């Protein structure tokens, strides 16, 4: 019986690992956009069914300049360092998603606006002190900054898709203000922001 069941169990474990890997970003270890899309379609599996869920969108300032001056490998090191900083600060029940090449979304349940804003400032400050090794022979390191946009569900919208858009609007406005800025979504910035 054991020899009959063992291959079935192994096959199940392999399939589960393959599915899990297809939902994760191989650089940061965060979930990927496919996972977020699945969650938005199936709200029962979503980590933000609780009230007062904060959506924090983070982007590396002038990331393209890193790739242009160095290469994608150094860019990946910057993203790994950012992921490590995020993991060290956000609560363990948070869901971290890598949306694009250098944009990340963190969902933090049971979070007030003041607490998530302070958390964003902590992530910004800690990442600004981080150094990424660029050249081992010359000991050249690289420091980068990030901006963060925050929106809360259901305070800013009862649509999770809209809350993500709101976090992105806040992020874009934070980038317009200065590098290393965190901003909470307000209705006024939605009408005044210059996206292009």
N, C-alpha and C. Protein backbone atom coordinates (compact mmCIF):
# COMPACT_ATOMS: atom_id res chain seq x y z
N UNK A 1 0.83 -1.20 0.00
CA UNK A 1 0.00 0.00 0.00
C UNK A 1 0.88 1.26 0.00
N UNK A 2 1.92 1.26 0.82
CA UNK A 2 2.82 2.42 0.91
C UNK A 2 3.43 2.74 -0.45
N UNK A 3 3.88 1.69 -1.18
CA UNK A 3 4.52 1.89 -2.48
C UNK A 3 3.53 2.39 -3.53
N UNK A 4 2.24 2.11 -3.34
CA UNK A 4 1.22 2.61 -4.26
C UNK A 4 0.88 4.07 -3.97
N UNK A 5 0.81 4.43 -2.69
CA UNK A 5 0.40 5.78 -2.28
C UNK A 5 1.56 6.77 -2.39
N UNK A 6 2.77 6.32 -2.15
CA UNK A 6 3.95 7.22 -2.12
C UNK A 6 4.11 8.04 -3.41
N UNK A 7 4.03 7.45 -4.61
CA UNK A 7 4.16 8.27 -5.84
C UNK A 7 3.04 9.30 -5.98
N UNK A 8 1.85 8.95 -5.53
CA UNK A 8 0.71 9.88 -5.61
C UNK A 8 0.97 11.09 -4.71
N UNK A 9 1.46 10.84 -3.51
CA UNK A 9 1.77 11.93 -2.57
C UNK A 9 2.89 12.81 -3.13
N UNK A 10 3.94 12.16 -3.66
CA UNK A 10 5.04 12.93 -4.25
C UNK A 10 4.55 13.80 -5.40
N UNK A 11 3.70 13.24 -6.27
CA UNK A 11 3.16 13.98 -7.40
C UNK A 11 2.33 15.17 -6.93
N UNK A 12 1.54 14.96 -5.90
CA UNK A 12 0.72 16.04 -5.33
C UNK A 12 1.61 17.16 -4.79
N UNK A 13 2.66 16.81 -4.07
CA UNK A 13 3.59 17.79 -3.50
C UNK A 13 4.29 18.57 -4.61
N UNK A 14 4.73 17.89 -5.65
CA UNK A 14 5.41 18.55 -6.78
C UNK A 14 4.46 19.52 -7.47
N UNK A 15 3.21 19.09 -7.71
CA UNK A 15 2.24 19.96 -8.36
C UNK A 15 1.95 21.19 -7.50
N UNK A 16 1.85 20.99 -6.21
CA UNK A 16 1.60 22.11 -5.29
C UNK A 16 2.77 23.10 -5.32
N UNK A 17 3.99 22.59 -5.32
CA UNK A 17 5.17 23.45 -5.38
C UNK A 17 5.25 24.21 -6.70
N UNK A 18 4.91 23.55 -7.80
CA UNK A 18 4.92 24.21 -9.11
C UNK A 18 3.89 25.34 -9.15
N UNK A 19 2.70 25.08 -8.60
CA UNK A 19 1.67 26.12 -8.57
C UNK A 19 2.14 27.29 -7.72
N UNK A 20 2.70 27.00 -6.55
CA UNK A 20 3.19 28.04 -5.65
C UNK A 20 4.29 28.85 -6.33
N UNK A 21 5.21 28.19 -7.02
CA UNK A 21 6.30 28.88 -7.71
C UNK A 21 5.80 29.76 -8.85
N UNK A 22 4.71 29.33 -9.50
CA UNK A 22 4.17 30.13 -10.60
C UNK A 22 3.51 31.41 -10.10
N UNK A 23 3.23 31.47 -8.81
CA UNK A 23 2.61 32.66 -8.21
C UNK A 23 3.61 33.54 -7.50
N UNK A 24 4.89 33.20 -7.58
CA UNK A 24 5.93 33.96 -6.86
C UNK A 24 6.95 34.56 -7.82
N UNK A 25 7.45 35.70 -7.45
CA UNK A 25 8.52 36.34 -8.19
C UNK A 25 9.83 35.69 -7.78
N UNK A 26 10.63 35.24 -8.75
CA UNK A 26 11.84 34.48 -8.43
C UNK A 26 12.97 35.36 -7.88
N UNK A 27 12.88 36.68 -8.02
CA UNK A 27 13.95 37.56 -7.52
C UNK A 27 13.72 37.92 -6.06
N UNK A 28 12.52 38.40 -5.75
CA UNK A 28 12.24 38.90 -4.39
C UNK A 28 11.62 37.85 -3.47
N UNK A 29 11.00 36.82 -4.06
CA UNK A 29 10.27 35.85 -3.25
C UNK A 29 8.86 36.33 -2.92
N UNK A 30 8.50 37.56 -3.35
CA UNK A 30 7.15 38.07 -3.15
C UNK A 30 6.20 37.39 -4.13
N UNK A 31 4.91 37.49 -3.85
CA UNK A 31 3.93 37.03 -4.83
C UNK A 31 4.02 37.89 -6.08
N UNK A 32 3.51 37.37 -7.20
CA UNK A 32 3.54 38.14 -8.44
C UNK A 32 2.14 38.66 -8.79
N UNK A 33 2.08 39.35 -9.90
CA UNK A 33 0.81 39.97 -10.31
C UNK A 33 -0.27 38.92 -10.58
N UNK A 34 0.14 37.75 -11.06
CA UNK A 34 -0.82 36.67 -11.31
C UNK A 34 -1.54 36.30 -10.01
N UNK A 35 -0.79 36.24 -8.91
CA UNK A 35 -1.38 35.94 -7.61
C UNK A 35 -2.39 37.02 -7.23
N UNK A 36 -2.00 38.29 -7.42
CA UNK A 36 -2.90 39.40 -7.08
C UNK A 36 -4.18 39.33 -7.91
N UNK A 37 -4.04 39.05 -9.20
CA UNK A 37 -5.22 38.94 -10.07
C UNK A 37 -6.14 37.82 -9.60
N UNK A 38 -5.54 36.68 -9.22
CA UNK A 38 -6.34 35.55 -8.70
C UNK A 38 -7.09 35.97 -7.44
N UNK A 39 -6.40 36.67 -6.57
CA UNK A 39 -7.01 37.11 -5.32
C UNK A 39 -8.14 38.10 -5.55
N UNK A 40 -7.95 39.00 -6.49
CA UNK A 40 -8.99 39.98 -6.77
C UNK A 40 -10.22 39.31 -7.37
N UNK A 41 -10.02 38.24 -8.15
CA UNK A 41 -11.15 37.49 -8.71
C UNK A 41 -11.86 36.67 -7.64
N UNK A 42 -11.09 36.13 -6.69
CA UNK A 42 -11.66 35.27 -5.66
C UNK A 42 -11.47 35.93 -4.30
N UNK A 43 -12.37 36.83 -3.95
CA UNK A 43 -12.19 37.64 -2.74
C UNK A 43 -12.20 36.81 -1.46
N UNK A 44 -12.73 35.58 -1.50
CA UNK A 44 -12.72 34.75 -0.29
C UNK A 44 -11.30 34.34 0.10
N UNK A 45 -10.41 34.25 -0.89
CA UNK A 45 -9.03 33.84 -0.59
C UNK A 45 -8.14 35.04 -0.32
N UNK A 46 -8.73 36.25 -0.44
CA UNK A 46 -7.93 37.46 -0.33
C UNK A 46 -7.61 37.78 1.11
N UNK A 47 -6.39 38.26 1.32
CA UNK A 47 -5.91 38.59 2.66
C UNK A 47 -6.49 39.89 3.17
N UNK A 48 -7.38 40.53 2.44
CA UNK A 48 -7.86 41.83 2.90
C UNK A 48 -9.37 41.84 3.07
N UNK A 49 -9.91 40.76 3.59
CA UNK A 49 -11.33 40.75 3.91
C UNK A 49 -11.62 41.45 5.23
N UNK A 50 -10.58 41.65 6.04
CA UNK A 50 -10.78 42.38 7.29
C UNK A 50 -10.93 43.86 6.99
N UNK A 51 -11.54 44.56 7.90
CA UNK A 51 -11.66 46.00 7.77
C UNK A 51 -10.29 46.63 7.99
N UNK A 52 -10.15 47.87 7.57
CA UNK A 52 -8.92 48.63 7.80
C UNK A 52 -7.68 47.93 7.26
N UNK A 53 -7.74 47.56 6.00
CA UNK A 53 -6.56 47.00 5.35
C UNK A 53 -5.85 48.11 4.58
N UNK A 54 -4.56 48.23 4.83
CA UNK A 54 -3.75 49.25 4.15
C UNK A 54 -3.12 48.64 2.91
N UNK A 55 -3.13 49.40 1.82
CA UNK A 55 -2.45 49.04 0.58
C UNK A 55 -1.32 50.04 0.40
N UNK A 56 -0.09 49.55 0.49
CA UNK A 56 1.08 50.42 0.34
C UNK A 56 1.81 50.06 -0.95
N UNK A 57 1.88 51.01 -1.86
CA UNK A 57 2.60 50.79 -3.11
C UNK A 57 3.96 51.48 -3.01
N UNK A 58 5.01 50.73 -3.34
CA UNK A 58 6.38 51.23 -3.21
C UNK A 58 7.09 51.11 -4.56
N UNK A 59 7.86 52.15 -4.89
CA UNK A 59 8.62 52.13 -6.14
C UNK A 59 10.02 52.67 -5.88
N UNK A 60 11.01 52.04 -6.49
CA UNK A 60 12.40 52.51 -6.39
C UNK A 60 12.54 53.75 -7.26
N UNK A 61 13.04 54.83 -6.65
CA UNK A 61 13.24 56.07 -7.39
C UNK A 61 14.33 55.89 -8.45
N UNK A 62 14.02 56.34 -9.65
CA UNK A 62 14.97 56.32 -10.78
C UNK A 62 15.66 54.96 -10.94
N UNK A 63 14.85 53.92 -10.94
CA UNK A 63 15.39 52.56 -11.05
C UNK A 63 16.05 52.32 -12.41
N UNK A 64 15.48 52.91 -13.45
CA UNK A 64 16.03 52.72 -14.80
C UNK A 64 17.49 53.18 -14.88
N UNK A 65 17.82 54.20 -14.09
CA UNK A 65 19.20 54.71 -14.08
C UNK A 65 20.17 53.65 -13.56
N UNK A 66 19.72 52.81 -12.64
CA UNK A 66 20.56 51.72 -12.11
C UNK A 66 20.88 50.74 -13.23
N UNK A 67 19.84 50.34 -13.96
CA UNK A 67 20.02 49.38 -15.05
C UNK A 67 20.88 49.99 -16.16
N UNK A 68 20.64 51.26 -16.47
CA UNK A 68 21.40 51.93 -17.53
C UNK A 68 22.88 52.06 -17.16
N UNK A 69 23.15 52.44 -15.91
CA UNK A 69 24.54 52.66 -15.51
C UNK A 69 25.27 51.36 -15.20
N UNK A 70 24.56 50.41 -14.63
CA UNK A 70 25.18 49.12 -14.27
C UNK A 70 24.60 48.03 -15.16
N UNK A 71 23.71 47.21 -14.61
CA UNK A 71 23.05 46.19 -15.41
C UNK A 71 21.87 45.63 -14.63
N UNK A 72 21.18 44.66 -15.23
CA UNK A 72 19.99 44.08 -14.58
C UNK A 72 20.35 43.31 -13.31
N UNK A 73 21.54 42.74 -13.26
CA UNK A 73 21.96 42.00 -12.07
C UNK A 73 22.03 42.93 -10.85
N UNK A 74 22.58 44.13 -11.05
CA UNK A 74 22.63 45.10 -9.95
C UNK A 74 21.22 45.57 -9.62
N UNK A 75 20.40 45.75 -10.66
CA UNK A 75 19.00 46.09 -10.43
C UNK A 75 18.30 45.05 -9.57
N UNK A 76 18.56 43.78 -9.85
CA UNK A 76 17.98 42.69 -9.05
C UNK A 76 18.46 42.76 -7.61
N UNK A 77 19.73 43.10 -7.40
CA UNK A 77 20.26 43.21 -6.04
C UNK A 77 19.54 44.32 -5.26
N UNK A 78 19.24 45.42 -5.96
CA UNK A 78 18.50 46.52 -5.32
C UNK A 78 17.12 46.04 -4.91
N UNK A 79 16.45 45.28 -5.78
CA UNK A 79 15.11 44.78 -5.48
C UNK A 79 15.13 43.78 -4.33
N UNK A 80 16.15 42.93 -4.29
CA UNK A 80 16.27 41.96 -3.19
C UNK A 80 16.48 42.70 -1.87
N UNK A 81 17.31 43.73 -1.89
CA UNK A 81 17.55 44.52 -0.68
C UNK A 81 16.26 45.20 -0.22
N UNK A 82 15.52 45.75 -1.16
CA UNK A 82 14.24 46.38 -0.82
C UNK A 82 13.27 45.36 -0.23
N UNK A 83 13.19 44.18 -0.84
CA UNK A 83 12.30 43.13 -0.33
C UNK A 83 12.69 42.75 1.09
N UNK A 84 13.99 42.64 1.36
CA UNK A 84 14.45 42.30 2.72
C UNK A 84 14.07 43.38 3.73
N UNK A 85 14.19 44.65 3.32
CA UNK A 85 13.82 45.75 4.21
C UNK A 85 12.32 45.70 4.50
N UNK A 86 11.52 45.50 3.45
CA UNK A 86 10.06 45.43 3.63
C UNK A 86 9.70 44.30 4.59
N UNK A 87 10.27 43.11 4.35
CA UNK A 87 9.96 41.95 5.20
C UNK A 87 10.35 42.19 6.66
N UNK A 88 11.41 42.97 6.86
CA UNK A 88 11.88 43.20 8.23
C UNK A 88 10.99 44.18 9.00
N UNK A 89 10.12 44.90 8.29
CA UNK A 89 9.31 45.93 8.95
C UNK A 89 7.82 45.61 8.98
N UNK A 90 7.27 45.07 7.90
CA UNK A 90 5.82 44.84 7.88
C UNK A 90 5.46 43.63 8.73
N UNK A 91 4.23 43.58 9.27
CA UNK A 91 3.81 42.42 10.06
C UNK A 91 3.82 41.14 9.24
N UNK A 92 3.93 40.02 9.92
CA UNK A 92 4.05 38.72 9.23
C UNK A 92 2.78 38.33 8.48
N UNK A 93 1.64 38.90 8.84
CA UNK A 93 0.40 38.55 8.12
C UNK A 93 0.17 39.44 6.90
N UNK A 94 1.15 40.26 6.55
CA UNK A 94 1.06 41.09 5.35
C UNK A 94 1.26 40.25 4.09
N UNK A 95 0.71 40.72 2.99
CA UNK A 95 0.91 40.07 1.69
C UNK A 95 1.73 41.02 0.82
N UNK A 96 2.87 40.54 0.35
CA UNK A 96 3.77 41.35 -0.47
C UNK A 96 3.72 40.86 -1.91
N UNK A 97 3.50 41.80 -2.83
CA UNK A 97 3.36 41.47 -4.25
C UNK A 97 4.31 42.34 -5.05
N UNK A 98 5.06 41.74 -5.98
CA UNK A 98 5.88 42.50 -6.92
C UNK A 98 5.02 42.71 -8.16
N UNK A 99 4.64 43.96 -8.41
CA UNK A 99 3.72 44.26 -9.51
C UNK A 99 4.42 44.37 -10.84
N UNK A 100 5.49 45.18 -10.89
CA UNK A 100 6.22 45.39 -12.13
C UNK A 100 7.69 45.19 -11.85
N UNK A 101 8.54 45.64 -12.76
CA UNK A 101 9.98 45.47 -12.58
C UNK A 101 10.49 46.06 -11.29
N UNK A 102 9.94 47.17 -10.83
CA UNK A 102 10.47 47.82 -9.63
C UNK A 102 9.37 48.44 -8.77
N UNK A 103 8.17 47.92 -8.88
CA UNK A 103 7.05 48.42 -8.09
C UNK A 103 6.46 47.27 -7.27
N UNK A 104 6.23 47.54 -5.98
CA UNK A 104 5.72 46.51 -5.09
C UNK A 104 4.49 47.01 -4.36
N UNK A 105 3.61 46.08 -4.03
CA UNK A 105 2.38 46.39 -3.32
C UNK A 105 2.34 45.53 -2.06
N UNK A 106 2.10 46.17 -0.92
CA UNK A 106 2.03 45.45 0.34
C UNK A 106 0.63 45.64 0.92
N UNK A 107 -0.04 44.55 1.25
CA UNK A 107 -1.36 44.59 1.86
C UNK A 107 -1.19 44.26 3.34
N UNK A 108 -1.62 45.18 4.18
CA UNK A 108 -1.41 45.02 5.62
C UNK A 108 -2.76 45.08 6.32
N UNK A 109 -3.26 43.94 6.82
CA UNK A 109 -4.58 43.94 7.47
C UNK A 109 -4.55 44.60 8.85
N UNK A 110 -5.74 45.07 9.26
CA UNK A 110 -5.94 45.66 10.59
C UNK A 110 -4.94 46.79 10.86
N UNK A 111 -4.90 47.75 9.97
CA UNK A 111 -3.90 48.81 10.06
C UNK A 111 -4.57 50.17 9.94
N UNK A 112 -4.21 51.07 10.85
CA UNK A 112 -4.74 52.43 10.80
C UNK A 112 -3.89 53.27 9.86
N UNK A 113 -4.42 54.42 9.46
CA UNK A 113 -3.70 55.31 8.55
C UNK A 113 -2.40 55.81 9.18
N UNK A 114 -2.45 56.20 10.44
CA UNK A 114 -1.24 56.70 11.12
C UNK A 114 -0.16 55.64 11.22
N UNK A 115 -0.57 54.42 11.58
CA UNK A 115 0.42 53.34 11.74
C UNK A 115 1.06 52.95 10.42
N UNK A 116 0.27 52.87 9.35
CA UNK A 116 0.85 52.47 8.06
C UNK A 116 1.74 53.59 7.51
N UNK A 117 1.39 54.84 7.79
CA UNK A 117 2.23 55.95 7.35
C UNK A 117 3.59 55.89 8.05
N UNK A 118 3.58 55.64 9.35
CA UNK A 118 4.85 55.51 10.09
C UNK A 118 5.65 54.31 9.60
N UNK A 119 4.95 53.24 9.25
CA UNK A 119 5.62 52.05 8.72
C UNK A 119 6.29 52.37 7.37
N UNK A 120 5.58 53.10 6.52
CA UNK A 120 6.15 53.50 5.22
C UNK A 120 7.39 54.36 5.42
N UNK A 121 7.33 55.29 6.37
CA UNK A 121 8.49 56.14 6.64
C UNK A 121 9.66 55.31 7.16
N UNK A 122 9.37 54.28 7.96
CA UNK A 122 10.44 53.40 8.46
C UNK A 122 11.09 52.62 7.32
N UNK A 123 10.27 52.13 6.39
CA UNK A 123 10.80 51.38 5.24
C UNK A 123 11.68 52.31 4.40
N UNK A 124 11.20 53.53 4.16
CA UNK A 124 11.96 54.50 3.36
C UNK A 124 13.30 54.81 4.02
N UNK A 125 13.27 55.05 5.34
CA UNK A 125 14.50 55.42 6.06
C UNK A 125 15.49 54.26 6.10
N UNK A 126 15.00 53.06 6.35
CA UNK A 126 15.90 51.90 6.44
C UNK A 126 16.51 51.57 5.08
N UNK A 127 15.68 51.66 4.02
CA UNK A 127 16.20 51.36 2.69
C UNK A 127 17.22 52.40 2.24
N UNK A 128 17.01 53.66 2.62
CA UNK A 128 17.95 54.73 2.24
C UNK A 128 19.33 54.49 2.84
N UNK A 129 19.40 53.77 3.96
CA UNK A 129 20.69 53.46 4.60
C UNK A 129 21.33 52.19 4.03
N UNK A 130 20.54 51.41 3.31
CA UNK A 130 21.04 50.15 2.76
C UNK A 130 22.05 50.40 1.64
N UNK A 131 23.03 49.52 1.56
CA UNK A 131 24.02 49.62 0.50
C UNK A 131 24.05 48.33 -0.30
N UNK A 132 24.04 48.48 -1.60
CA UNK A 132 24.12 47.32 -2.50
C UNK A 132 25.52 47.29 -3.10
N UNK A 133 26.19 46.17 -2.97
CA UNK A 133 27.54 46.02 -3.51
C UNK A 133 27.50 46.00 -5.04
N UNK A 134 28.23 46.91 -5.65
CA UNK A 134 28.26 47.02 -7.10
C UNK A 134 29.52 46.37 -7.66
N UNK A 135 30.66 46.58 -6.96
CA UNK A 135 31.94 46.04 -7.43
C UNK A 135 32.76 45.59 -6.22
N UNK A 136 32.97 44.29 -6.12
CA UNK A 136 33.72 43.73 -4.98
C UNK A 136 35.18 44.16 -4.98
N UNK A 137 35.75 44.36 -6.16
CA UNK A 137 37.17 44.70 -6.25
C UNK A 137 37.44 46.13 -5.79
N UNK A 138 36.51 47.04 -6.10
CA UNK A 138 36.71 48.45 -5.72
C UNK A 138 35.91 48.83 -4.48
N UNK A 139 35.13 47.88 -3.97
CA UNK A 139 34.23 48.13 -2.83
C UNK A 139 33.20 49.22 -3.14
N UNK A 140 32.84 49.37 -4.40
CA UNK A 140 31.84 50.36 -4.78
C UNK A 140 30.45 49.86 -4.37
N UNK A 141 29.71 50.73 -3.68
CA UNK A 141 28.35 50.39 -3.27
C UNK A 141 27.38 51.42 -3.84
N UNK A 142 26.12 51.06 -3.80
CA UNK A 142 25.07 51.91 -4.35
C UNK A 142 23.99 52.08 -3.29
N UNK A 143 23.53 53.33 -3.12
CA UNK A 143 22.40 53.62 -2.24
C UNK A 143 21.27 54.16 -3.10
N UNK A 144 20.05 53.76 -2.79
CA UNK A 144 18.88 54.22 -3.54
C UNK A 144 17.81 54.69 -2.57
N UNK A 145 16.80 55.35 -3.13
CA UNK A 145 15.65 55.79 -2.34
C UNK A 145 14.38 55.21 -2.95
N UNK A 146 13.32 55.27 -2.17
CA UNK A 146 12.02 54.79 -2.64
C UNK A 146 10.95 55.80 -2.25
N UNK A 147 9.82 55.74 -2.93
CA UNK A 147 8.63 56.49 -2.56
C UNK A 147 7.52 55.49 -2.26
N UNK A 148 6.54 55.93 -1.47
CA UNK A 148 5.43 55.06 -1.11
C UNK A 148 4.12 55.81 -1.20
N UNK A 149 3.11 55.13 -1.74
CA UNK A 149 1.74 55.65 -1.77
C UNK A 149 0.84 54.71 -1.00
N UNK A 150 -0.05 55.27 -0.21
CA UNK A 150 -0.88 54.47 0.69
C UNK A 150 -2.35 54.77 0.46
N UNK A 151 -3.17 53.73 0.46
CA UNK A 151 -4.62 53.87 0.42
C UNK A 151 -5.21 52.81 1.33
N UNK A 152 -6.36 53.11 1.93
CA UNK A 152 -6.96 52.18 2.88
C UNK A 152 -8.30 51.66 2.40
N UNK A 153 -8.51 50.38 2.64
CA UNK A 153 -9.78 49.72 2.35
C UNK A 153 -10.50 49.49 3.68
N UNK A 154 -11.72 49.90 3.83
CA UNK A 154 -12.62 50.52 2.85
C UNK A 154 -12.69 52.05 2.98
N UNK A 155 -11.81 52.67 3.74
CA UNK A 155 -11.90 54.12 3.97
C UNK A 155 -11.88 54.93 2.68
N UNK A 156 -11.00 54.55 1.74
CA UNK A 156 -10.85 55.33 0.51
C UNK A 156 -11.68 54.78 -0.64
N UNK A 157 -12.12 53.55 -0.51
CA UNK A 157 -13.03 52.94 -1.50
C UNK A 157 -13.42 51.56 -0.99
N UNK A 158 -14.63 51.12 -1.35
CA UNK A 158 -15.02 49.75 -1.00
C UNK A 158 -14.69 48.78 -2.12
N UNK A 159 -14.01 49.29 -3.16
CA UNK A 159 -13.51 48.44 -4.24
C UNK A 159 -12.00 48.27 -4.05
N UNK A 160 -11.56 47.02 -3.96
CA UNK A 160 -10.13 46.76 -3.77
C UNK A 160 -9.31 47.20 -4.98
N UNK A 161 -9.89 47.07 -6.17
CA UNK A 161 -9.21 47.52 -7.39
C UNK A 161 -9.00 49.03 -7.33
N UNK A 162 -10.02 49.76 -6.88
CA UNK A 162 -9.91 51.21 -6.77
C UNK A 162 -8.91 51.61 -5.69
N UNK A 163 -8.86 50.86 -4.60
CA UNK A 163 -7.91 51.16 -3.53
C UNK A 163 -6.48 51.02 -4.07
N UNK A 164 -6.24 50.01 -4.89
CA UNK A 164 -4.91 49.85 -5.51
C UNK A 164 -4.61 51.04 -6.41
N UNK A 165 -5.61 51.48 -7.20
CA UNK A 165 -5.42 52.66 -8.05
C UNK A 165 -5.12 53.89 -7.20
N UNK A 166 -5.83 54.02 -6.07
CA UNK A 166 -5.61 55.15 -5.17
C UNK A 166 -4.19 55.15 -4.61
N UNK A 167 -3.71 53.97 -4.24
CA UNK A 167 -2.33 53.86 -3.73
C UNK A 167 -1.34 54.27 -4.81
N UNK A 168 -1.64 53.91 -6.06
CA UNK A 168 -0.76 54.29 -7.17
C UNK A 168 -0.80 55.80 -7.40
N UNK A 169 -1.98 56.41 -7.29
CA UNK A 169 -2.10 57.86 -7.43
C UNK A 169 -1.28 58.55 -6.34
N UNK A 170 -1.39 58.06 -5.10
CA UNK A 170 -0.61 58.63 -4.00
C UNK A 170 0.88 58.46 -4.24
N UNK A 171 1.27 57.31 -4.79
CA UNK A 171 2.69 57.06 -5.11
C UNK A 171 3.19 58.05 -6.16
N UNK A 172 2.42 58.25 -7.21
CA UNK A 172 2.84 59.17 -8.27
C UNK A 172 2.99 60.59 -7.73
N UNK A 173 2.06 60.99 -6.86
CA UNK A 173 2.16 62.33 -6.27
C UNK A 173 3.36 62.43 -5.34
N UNK A 174 3.64 61.36 -4.59
CA UNK A 174 4.83 61.34 -3.72
C UNK A 174 6.10 61.52 -4.56
N UNK A 175 6.16 60.86 -5.71
CA UNK A 175 7.32 60.99 -6.60
C UNK A 175 7.43 62.40 -7.15
N UNK A 176 6.29 63.06 -7.38
CA UNK A 176 6.30 64.44 -7.87
C UNK A 176 6.84 65.40 -6.81
N UNK A 177 6.64 65.06 -5.53
CA UNK A 177 7.08 65.93 -4.44
C UNK A 177 8.59 65.84 -4.27
N UNK A 178 9.10 64.64 -4.03
CA UNK A 178 10.54 64.46 -3.83
C UNK A 178 10.85 62.98 -3.67
N UNK A 179 12.09 62.60 -3.90
CA UNK A 179 12.50 61.22 -3.63
C UNK A 179 12.39 60.94 -2.14
N UNK A 180 12.14 59.68 -1.81
CA UNK A 180 12.07 59.28 -0.41
C UNK A 180 10.86 59.83 0.31
N UNK A 181 9.72 59.94 -0.40
CA UNK A 181 8.50 60.51 0.17
C UNK A 181 7.42 59.44 0.31
N UNK A 182 6.66 59.54 1.41
CA UNK A 182 5.47 58.70 1.60
C UNK A 182 4.26 59.61 1.62
N UNK A 183 3.17 59.15 1.02
CA UNK A 183 1.96 59.97 0.95
C UNK A 183 0.73 59.09 1.06
N UNK A 184 -0.23 59.55 1.86
CA UNK A 184 -1.51 58.85 1.99
C UNK A 184 -2.48 59.47 0.99
N UNK A 185 -3.25 58.61 0.33
CA UNK A 185 -4.23 59.08 -0.65
C UNK A 185 -5.24 60.02 -0.03
N UNK A 186 -5.49 61.13 -0.73
CA UNK A 186 -6.55 62.06 -0.39
C UNK A 186 -7.30 62.37 -1.68
N UNK A 187 -8.58 62.59 -1.58
CA UNK A 187 -9.41 62.83 -2.76
C UNK A 187 -8.88 64.02 -3.57
N UNK A 188 -8.33 65.03 -2.89
CA UNK A 188 -7.86 66.23 -3.60
C UNK A 188 -6.74 65.92 -4.60
N UNK A 189 -5.84 64.97 -4.24
CA UNK A 189 -4.71 64.71 -5.14
C UNK A 189 -5.15 63.95 -6.39
N UNK A 190 -6.30 63.26 -6.30
CA UNK A 190 -6.79 62.51 -7.45
C UNK A 190 -7.12 63.47 -8.61
N UNK A 191 -7.59 64.67 -8.29
CA UNK A 191 -7.97 65.62 -9.34
C UNK A 191 -6.83 66.52 -9.75
N UNK A 192 -5.77 66.62 -8.90
CA UNK A 192 -4.69 67.56 -9.21
C UNK A 192 -3.42 66.91 -9.75
N UNK A 193 -3.30 65.60 -9.63
CA UNK A 193 -2.04 64.93 -9.99
C UNK A 193 -1.78 64.98 -11.48
N UNK A 194 -0.53 65.15 -11.83
CA UNK A 194 -0.10 65.10 -13.22
C UNK A 194 0.58 63.75 -13.46
N UNK A 195 -0.09 62.85 -14.14
CA UNK A 195 0.44 61.51 -14.38
C UNK A 195 1.38 61.48 -15.57
N UNK A 196 1.22 62.39 -16.54
CA UNK A 196 2.03 62.34 -17.74
C UNK A 196 2.75 63.65 -17.93
